[in-house]
Amino acid sequence: MVEKQSSSELISSKVLLSVATSPFLLAAIAAESLTKNLIEIGEVCEEVFRGDRLPILHVPEEETENK
């Protein structure tokens, strides 16, 4: 009977370990994805604020009348 109890404890501990491992793996994958996306967003923002792709605004000069 002692062997049956230890084998059932072994099975239950393996199941518990496998169930507990899944959230950690998902968290690691989510953290990696979040980091990658934040870096890409930062690079896009940097391109926008750099000014190379902004349109050139032609401001008409007002003629002043000197009399």
Protein backbone atom coordinates (compact mmCIF):
# COMPACT_ATOMS: atom_id res chain seq x y z
CA MET A 1 0.00 0.00 0.00
CA VAL A 2 2.87 2.36 0.63
CA GLU A 3 3.96 2.02 -3.00
CA LYS A 4 0.51 2.95 -4.29
CA GLN A 5 0.45 6.09 -2.17
CA SER A 6 3.89 7.20 -3.30
CA SER A 7 3.08 6.58 -6.98
CA SER A 8 -0.16 8.56 -6.69
CA GLU A 9 1.73 11.35 -4.93
CA LEU A 10 4.30 11.27 -7.71
CA ILE A 11 1.63 11.50 -10.38
CA SER A 12 -0.17 14.32 -8.63
CA SER A 13 3.07 16.27 -8.11
CA LYS A 14 3.91 15.89 -11.80
CA VAL A 15 0.47 17.11 -12.76
CA LEU A 16 0.73 20.04 -10.37
CA LEU A 17 4.16 20.93 -11.72
CA SER A 18 2.95 20.85 -15.32
CA VAL A 19 -0.09 22.98 -14.46
CA ALA A 20 2.08 25.49 -12.60
CA THR A 21 4.60 25.71 -15.45
CA SER A 22 2.12 26.93 -18.07
CA PRO A 23 1.48 30.40 -16.58
CA PHE A 24 5.21 31.05 -16.27
CA LEU A 25 5.82 30.11 -19.90
CA LEU A 26 2.92 32.27 -21.05
CA ALA A 27 4.18 35.19 -18.97
CA ALA A 28 7.67 34.86 -20.46
CA ILE A 29 6.28 34.81 -24.01
CA ALA A 30 4.00 37.78 -23.28
CA ALA A 31 6.87 39.78 -21.76
CA GLU A 32 9.07 39.11 -24.79
CA SER A 33 6.28 40.12 -27.17
CA LEU A 34 5.50 43.26 -25.18
CA THR A 35 9.15 44.28 -25.14
CA LYS A 36 9.47 43.77 -28.89
CA ASN A 37 6.31 45.79 -29.58
CA LEU A 38 7.37 48.65 -27.32
CA ILE A 39 10.74 48.85 -29.08
CA GLU A 40 9.01 48.98 -32.47
CA ILE A 41 6.63 51.71 -31.27
CA GLY A 42 9.59 53.70 -29.97
CA GLU A 43 11.35 53.45 -33.33
CA VAL A 44 8.23 54.60 -35.18
CA CYS A 45 7.82 57.57 -32.83
CA GLU A 46 11.45 58.45 -33.33
CA GLU A 47 10.94 58.52 -37.11
CA VAL A 48 7.89 60.77 -36.78
CA PHE A 49 9.62 63.28 -34.54
CA ARG A 50 12.84 63.29 -36.54
CA GLY A 51 11.22 65.56 -39.12
CA ASP A 52 12.53 64.06 -42.35
CA ARG A 53 9.09 62.96 -43.43
CA LEU A 54 7.21 66.07 -42.40
CA PRO A 55 5.82 68.19 -45.22
CA ILE A 56 7.43 71.50 -46.05
CA LEU A 57 5.06 74.35 -45.28
CA HIS A 58 5.19 77.29 -47.65
CA VAL A 59 4.17 80.35 -45.70
CA PRO A 60 3.23 83.24 -47.99
CA GLU A 61 4.98 86.47 -47.16
CA GLU A 62 2.72 89.40 -46.64
CA GLU A 63 3.58 92.50 -48.60
CA THR A 64 3.86 95.56 -46.46
CA GLU A 65 2.88 98.87 -47.99
CA ASN A 66 5.40 101.59 -47.28
CA LYS A 67 3.94 105.05 -47.93
